[in-house]
PDB file of N, CA and C in Angstrom:
ATOM      1  N   MET A   1     -99.777 -32.309  62.669  1.00  0.00           N
ATOM      2  CA  MET A   1    -100.977 -32.942  62.114  1.00  0.00           C
ATOM      3  C   MET A   1    -101.304 -32.285  60.773  1.00  0.00           C
ATOM      4  N   PRO A   2    -101.586 -33.099  59.764  1.00  0.00           N
ATOM      5  CA  PRO A   2    -101.894 -32.538  58.441  1.00  0.00           C
ATOM      6  C   PRO A   2    -103.170 -31.695  58.473  1.00  0.00           C
ATOM      7  N   SER A   3    -103.180 -30.679  57.626  1.00  0.00           N
ATOM      8  CA  SER A   3    -104.384 -29.849  57.571  1.00  0.00           C
ATOM      9  C   SER A   3    -105.465 -30.533  56.737  1.00  0.00           C
ATOM     10  N   LYS A   4    -106.703 -30.299  57.120  1.00  0.00           N
ATOM     11  CA  LYS A   4    -107.856 -30.899  56.448  1.00  0.00           C
ATOM     12  C   LYS A   4    -108.013 -30.304  55.045  1.00  0.00           C
ATOM     13  N   TRP A   5    -108.398 -31.131  54.108  1.00  0.00           N
ATOM     14  CA  TRP A   5    -108.656 -30.667  52.752  1.00  0.00           C
ATOM     15  C   TRP A   5    -110.002 -29.934  52.742  1.00  0.00           C
ATOM     16  N   THR A   6    -109.995 -28.705  52.286  1.00  0.00           N
ATOM     17  CA  THR A   6    -111.229 -27.924  52.213  1.00  0.00           C
ATOM     18  C   THR A   6    -111.904 -28.147  50.864  1.00  0.00           C
ATOM     19  N   GLU A   7    -113.137 -27.704  50.764  1.00  0.00           N
ATOM     20  CA  GLU A   7    -113.844 -27.792  49.478  1.00  0.00           C
ATOM     21  C   GLU A   7    -113.115 -26.986  48.414  1.00  0.00           C
ATOM     22  N   ASP A   8    -112.546 -25.833  48.805  1.00  0.00           N
ATOM     23  CA  ASP A   8    -111.790 -25.012  47.852  1.00  0.00           C
ATOM     24  C   ASP A   8    -110.530 -25.734  47.380  1.00  0.00           C
ATOM     25  N   ASP A   9    -109.828 -26.425  48.304  1.00  0.00           N
ATOM     26  CA  ASP A   9    -108.638 -27.195  47.939  1.00  0.00           C
ATOM     27  C   ASP A   9    -108.998 -28.266  46.910  1.00  0.00           C
ATOM     28  N   ILE A  10    -110.078 -28.976  47.177  1.00  0.00           N
ATOM     29  CA  ILE A  10    -110.500 -30.062  46.283  1.00  0.00           C
ATOM     30  C   ILE A  10    -110.934 -29.510  44.928  1.00  0.00           C
ATOM     31  N   ALA A  11    -111.625 -28.383  44.921  1.00  0.00           N
ATOM     32  CA  ALA A  11    -112.042 -27.765  43.656  1.00  0.00           C
ATOM     33  C   ALA A  11    -110.822 -27.362  42.832  1.00  0.00           C
ATOM     34  N   LYS A  12    -109.813 -26.796  43.498  1.00  0.00           N
ATOM     35  CA  LYS A  12    -108.596 -26.387  42.792  1.00  0.00           C
ATOM     36  C   LYS A  12    -107.855 -27.606  42.264  1.00  0.00           C
ATOM     37  N   LEU A  13    -107.791 -28.668  43.065  1.00  0.00           N
ATOM     38  CA  LEU A  13    -107.161 -29.919  42.635  1.00  0.00           C
ATOM     39  C   LEU A  13    -107.849 -30.452  41.380  1.00  0.00           C
ATOM     40  N   LYS A  14    -109.168 -30.471  41.380  1.00  0.00           N
ATOM     41  CA  LYS A  14    -109.922 -30.966  40.220  1.00  0.00           C
ATOM     42  C   LYS A  14    -109.692 -30.102  38.984  1.00  0.00           C
ATOM     43  N   ARG A  15    -109.633 -28.781  39.177  1.00  0.00           N
ATOM     44  CA  ARG A  15    -109.414 -27.858  38.049  1.00  0.00           C
ATOM     45  C   ARG A  15    -108.035 -28.040  37.426  1.00  0.00           C
ATOM     46  N   MET A  16    -107.034 -28.273  38.257  1.00  0.00           N
ATOM     47  CA  MET A  16    -105.656 -28.334  37.783  1.00  0.00           C
ATOM     48  C   MET A  16    -105.238 -29.728  37.307  1.00  0.00           C
ATOM     49  N   ALA A  17    -105.932 -30.760  37.781  1.00  0.00           N
ATOM     50  CA  ALA A  17    -105.574 -32.147  37.461  1.00  0.00           C
ATOM     51  C   ALA A  17    -105.587 -32.390  35.957  1.00  0.00           C
ATOM     52  N   GLY A  18    -104.520 -33.045  35.489  1.00  0.00           N
ATOM     53  CA  GLY A  18    -104.408 -33.370  34.066  1.00  0.00           C
ATOM     54  C   GLY A  18    -103.872 -32.240  33.223  1.00  0.00           C
ATOM     55  N   LYS A  19    -103.730 -31.058  33.824  1.00  0.00           N
ATOM     56  CA  LYS A  19    -103.229 -29.896  33.085  1.00  0.00           C
ATOM     57  C   LYS A  19    -101.903 -29.396  33.633  1.00  0.00           C
ATOM     58  N   VAL A  20    -101.690 -29.621  34.931  1.00  0.00           N
ATOM     59  CA  VAL A  20    -100.523 -29.105  35.648  1.00  0.00           C
ATOM     60  C   VAL A  20     -99.852 -30.267  36.363  1.00  0.00           C
ATOM     61  N   PRO A  21     -98.505 -30.335  36.356  1.00  0.00           N
ATOM     62  CA  PRO A  21     -97.823 -31.424  37.069  1.00  0.00           C
ATOM     63  C   PRO A  21     -98.180 -31.454  38.559  1.00  0.00           C
ATOM     64  N   ALA A  22     -98.185 -32.647  39.138  1.00  0.00           N
ATOM     65  CA  ALA A  22     -98.568 -32.837  40.543  1.00  0.00           C
ATOM     66  C   ALA A  22     -97.736 -31.970  41.484  1.00  0.00           C
ATOM     67  N   LYS A  23     -96.452 -31.813  41.203  1.00  0.00           N
ATOM     68  CA  LYS A  23     -95.602 -31.012  42.089  1.00  0.00           C
ATOM     69  C   LYS A  23     -96.032 -29.548  42.090  1.00  0.00           C
ATOM     70  N   ASP A  24     -96.510 -29.062  40.967  1.00  0.00           N
ATOM     71  CA  ASP A  24     -96.974 -27.674  40.880  1.00  0.00           C
ATOM     72  C   ASP A  24     -98.334 -27.502  41.557  1.00  0.00           C
ATOM     73  N   ILE A  25     -99.191 -28.510  41.430  1.00  0.00           N
ATOM     74  CA  ILE A  25    -100.482 -28.472  42.136  1.00  0.00           C
ATOM     75  C   ILE A  25    -100.224 -28.441  43.637  1.00  0.00           C
ATOM     76  N   ALA A  26     -99.308 -29.303  44.090  1.00  0.00           N
ATOM     77  CA  ALA A  26     -98.973 -29.363  45.510  1.00  0.00           C
ATOM     78  C   ALA A  26     -98.468 -28.012  46.012  1.00  0.00           C
ATOM     79  N   ALA A  27     -97.584 -27.384  45.245  1.00  0.00           N
ATOM     80  CA  ALA A  27     -97.043 -26.079  45.637  1.00  0.00           C
ATOM     81  C   ALA A  27     -98.158 -25.040  45.726  1.00  0.00           C
ATOM     82  N   GLU A  28     -99.062 -25.058  44.765  1.00  0.00           N
ATOM     83  CA  GLU A  28    -100.185 -24.111  44.752  1.00  0.00           C
ATOM     84  C   GLU A  28    -101.086 -24.306  45.975  1.00  0.00           C
ATOM     85  N   LEU A  29    -101.229 -25.557  46.397  1.00  0.00           N
ATOM     86  CA  LEU A  29    -102.088 -25.869  47.536  1.00  0.00           C
ATOM     87  C   LEU A  29    -101.350 -25.784  48.875  1.00  0.00           C
ATOM     88  N   GLY A  30    -100.027 -25.601  48.821  1.00  0.00           N
ATOM     89  CA  GLY A  30     -99.244 -25.547  50.054  1.00  0.00           C
ATOM     90  C   GLY A  30     -99.149 -26.903  50.736  1.00  0.00           C
ATOM     91  N   ARG A  31     -99.080 -27.959  49.937  1.00  0.00           N
ATOM     92  CA  ARG A  31     -99.027 -29.322  50.448  1.00  0.00           C
ATOM     93  C   ARG A  31     -97.869 -30.059  49.791  1.00  0.00           C
ATOM     94  N   SER A  32     -97.538 -31.214  50.331  1.00  0.00           N
ATOM     95  CA  SER A  32     -96.486 -32.030  49.717  1.00  0.00           C
ATOM     96  C   SER A  32     -97.051 -32.707  48.467  1.00  0.00           C
ATOM     97  N   ARG A  33     -96.137 -33.129  47.587  1.00  0.00           N
ATOM     98  CA  ARG A  33     -96.570 -33.851  46.389  1.00  0.00           C
ATOM     99  C   ARG A  33     -97.265 -35.146  46.806  1.00  0.00           C
ATOM    100  N   GLY A  34     -96.708 -35.828  47.808  1.00  0.00           N
ATOM    101  CA  GLY A  34     -97.293 -37.087  48.279  1.00  0.00           C
ATOM    102  C   GLY A  34     -98.715 -36.923  48.785  1.00  0.00           C
ATOM    103  N   ALA A  35     -98.943 -35.890  49.599  1.00  0.00           N
ATOM    104  CA  ALA A  35    -100.289 -35.648  50.134  1.00  0.00           C
ATOM    105  C   ALA A  35    -101.269 -35.339  49.000  1.00  0.00           C
ATOM    106  N   THR A  36    -100.783 -34.625  48.003  1.00  0.00           N
ATOM    107  CA  THR A  36    -101.638 -34.266  46.867  1.00  0.00           C
ATOM    108  C   THR A  36    -101.993 -35.504  46.051  1.00  0.00           C
ATOM    109  N   VAL A  37    -101.015 -36.362  45.831  1.00  0.00           N
ATOM    110  CA  VAL A  37    -101.250 -37.604  45.075  1.00  0.00           C
ATOM    111  C   VAL A  37    -102.218 -38.517  45.829  1.00  0.00           C
ATOM    112  N   VAL A  38    -102.047 -38.629  47.147  1.00  0.00           N
ATOM    113  CA  VAL A  38    -102.935 -39.482  47.954  1.00  0.00           C
ATOM    114  C   VAL A  38    -104.369 -38.961  47.907  1.00  0.00           C
ATOM    115  N   GLU A  39    -104.546 -37.658  48.077  1.00  0.00           N
ATOM    116  CA  GLU A  39    -105.905 -37.098  48.055  1.00  0.00           C
ATOM    117  C   GLU A  39    -106.550 -37.272  46.683  1.00  0.00           C
ATOM    118  N   ALA A  40    -105.773 -37.042  45.623  1.00  0.00           N
ATOM    119  CA  ALA A  40    -106.303 -37.247  44.269  1.00  0.00           C
ATOM    120  C   ALA A  40    -106.721 -38.704  44.076  1.00  0.00           C
ATOM    121  N   SER A  41    -105.924 -39.627  44.590  1.00  0.00           N
ATOM    122  CA  SER A  41    -106.251 -41.046  44.477  1.00  0.00           C
ATOM    123  C   SER A  41    -107.539 -41.376  45.227  1.00  0.00           C
ATOM    124  N   LYS A  42    -107.696 -40.841  46.421  1.00  0.00           N
ATOM    125  CA  LYS A  42    -108.923 -41.065  47.194  1.00  0.00           C
ATOM    126  C   LYS A  42    -110.154 -40.587  46.430  1.00  0.00           C
ATOM    127  N   LEU A  43    -109.982 -39.474  45.698  1.00  0.00           N
ATOM    128  CA  LEU A  43    -111.090 -38.888  44.945  1.00  0.00           C
ATOM    129  C   LEU A  43    -111.202 -39.455  43.528  1.00  0.00           C
ATOM    130  N   ARG A  44    -110.311 -40.416  43.225  1.00  0.00           N
ATOM    131  CA  ARG A  44    -110.263 -41.028  41.886  1.00  0.00           C
ATOM    132  C   ARG A  44    -110.038 -39.992  40.783  1.00  0.00           C
ATOM    133  N   ILE A  45    -109.104 -39.084  41.069  1.00  0.00           N
ATOM    134  CA  ILE A  45    -108.725 -38.041  40.118  1.00  0.00           C
ATOM    135  C   ILE A  45    -107.346 -38.386  39.570  1.00  0.00           C
ATOM    136  N   SER A  46    -107.210 -38.449  38.263  1.00  0.00           N
ATOM    137  CA  SER A  46    -105.913 -38.708  37.650  1.00  0.00           C
ATOM    138  C   SER A  46    -105.109 -37.410  37.587  1.00  0.00           C
ATOM    139  N   LEU A  47    -103.857 -37.484  38.000  1.00  0.00           N
ATOM    140  CA  LEU A  47    -102.973 -36.323  37.916  1.00  0.00           C
ATOM    141  C   LEU A  47    -102.054 -36.413  36.711  1.00  0.00           C
ATOM    142  N   ARG A  48    -102.224 -37.444  35.908  1.00  0.00           N
ATOM    143  CA  ARG A  48    -101.398 -37.600  34.713  1.00  0.00           C
ATOM    144  C   ARG A  48    -101.726 -36.487  33.724  1.00  0.00           C
ATOM    145  N   CYS A  49    -100.712 -35.752  33.309  1.00  0.00           N
ATOM    146  CA  CYS A  49    -100.919 -34.642  32.371  1.00  0.00           C
ATOM    147  C   CYS A  49    -101.166 -35.183  30.971  1.00  0.00           C
ATOM    148  N   SER A  50    -102.053 -34.530  30.263  1.00  0.00           N
ATOM    149  CA  SER A  50    -102.369 -34.909  28.885  1.00  0.00           C
ATOM    150  C   SER A  50    -101.175 -34.639  27.987  1.00  0.00           C
ATOM    151  N   GLN A  51    -100.983 -35.510  27.011  1.00  0.00           N
ATOM    152  CA  GLN A  51     -99.921 -35.319  26.033  1.00  0.00           C
ATOM    153  C   GLN A  51    -100.456 -34.491  24.870  1.00  0.00           C
ATOM    154  N   PRO A  52     -99.655 -33.577  24.347  1.00  0.00           N
ATOM    155  CA  PRO A  52    -100.104 -32.811  23.181  1.00  0.00           C
ATOM    156  C   PRO A  52    -100.300 -33.737  21.981  1.00  0.00           C
ATOM    157  N   THR A  53    -101.257 -33.407  21.151  1.00  0.00           N
ATOM    158  CA  THR A  53    -101.524 -34.221  19.965  1.00  0.00           C
ATOM    159  C   THR A  53    -101.571 -33.341  18.729  1.00  0.00           C
ATOM    160  N   GLY A  54    -101.464 -33.989  17.574  1.00  0.00           N
ATOM    161  CA  GLY A  54    -101.612 -33.278  16.304  1.00  0.00           C
ATOM    162  C   GLY A  54    -100.634 -32.139  16.128  1.00  0.00           C
ATOM    163  N   ALA A  55    -101.151 -30.960  15.778  1.00  0.00           N
ATOM    164  CA  ALA A  55    -100.329 -29.793  15.468  1.00  0.00           C
ATOM    165  C   ALA A  55     -99.511 -29.324  16.673  1.00  0.00           C
ATOM    166  N   ASP A  56     -99.948 -29.662  17.882  1.00  0.00           N
ATOM    167  CA  ASP A  56     -99.225 -29.241  19.077  1.00  0.00           C
ATOM    168  C   ASP A  56     -97.838 -29.885  19.178  1.00  0.00           C
ATOM    169  N   GLN A  57     -97.623 -30.994  18.480  1.00  0.00           N
ATOM    170  CA  GLN A  57     -96.352 -31.677  18.575  1.00  0.00           C
ATOM    171  C   GLN A  57     -95.246 -30.972  17.789  1.00  0.00           C
ATOM    172  N   GLY A  58     -95.615 -30.158  16.836  1.00  0.00           N
ATOM    173  CA  GLY A  58     -94.647 -29.359  16.097  1.00  0.00           C
ATOM    174  C   GLY A  58     -93.659 -30.185  15.310  1.00  0.00           C
ATOM    175  N   ALA A  59     -92.426 -29.713  15.247  1.00  0.00           N
ATOM    176  CA  ALA A  59     -91.395 -30.319  14.407  1.00  0.00           C
ATOM    177  C   ALA A  59     -90.923 -31.672  14.923  1.00  0.00           C
ATOM    178  N   SER A  60     -91.229 -32.005  16.155  1.00  0.00           N
ATOM    179  CA  SER A  60     -90.757 -33.267  16.704  1.00  0.00           C
ATOM    180  C   SER A  60     -91.516 -34.479  16.164  1.00  0.00           C
ATOM    181  N   ALA A  61     -92.663 -34.251  15.542  1.00  0.00           N
ATOM    182  CA  ALA A  61     -93.455 -35.353  15.000  1.00  0.00           C
ATOM    183  C   ALA A  61     -92.779 -35.883  13.715  1.00  0.00           C
ATOM    184  N   PRO A  62     -92.638 -37.198  13.610  1.00  0.00           N
ATOM    185  CA  PRO A  62     -92.008 -37.775  12.401  1.00  0.00           C
ATOM    186  C   PRO A  62     -92.905 -37.576  11.180  1.00  0.00           C
ATOM    187  N   THR A  63     -92.269 -37.450  10.046  1.00  0.00           N
ATOM    188  CA  THR A  63     -93.020 -37.303   8.792  1.00  0.00           C
ATOM    189  C   THR A  63     -92.640 -38.409   7.841  1.00  0.00           C
ATOM    190  N   ASN A  64     -93.571 -38.844   7.024  1.00  0.00           N
ATOM    191  CA  ASN A  64     -93.309 -39.870   6.018  1.00  0.00           C
ATOM    192  C   ASN A  64     -93.259 -39.210   4.655  1.00  0.00           C
ATOM    193  N   PRO A  65     -92.179 -39.434   3.908  1.00  0.00           N
ATOM    194  CA  PRO A  65     -92.077 -38.806   2.558  1.00  0.00           C
ATOM    195  C   PRO A  65     -93.031 -39.396   1.559  1.00  0.00           C
TER     196      PRO A  65
END
């Protein structure tokens, strides 16, 4: 039987969401990636990581002469 999500688990999920890949959040919580994705969905939390913008893109950003 799956373990119940605690308030601490949910707080950690919210803190890490959008910053850390779902598989890493799952590992930190000791849960499967699927269980983590389902719980995030129930809570309407996006696990999609933010893309770097501006100067964070470095040399890979195209330049126009």
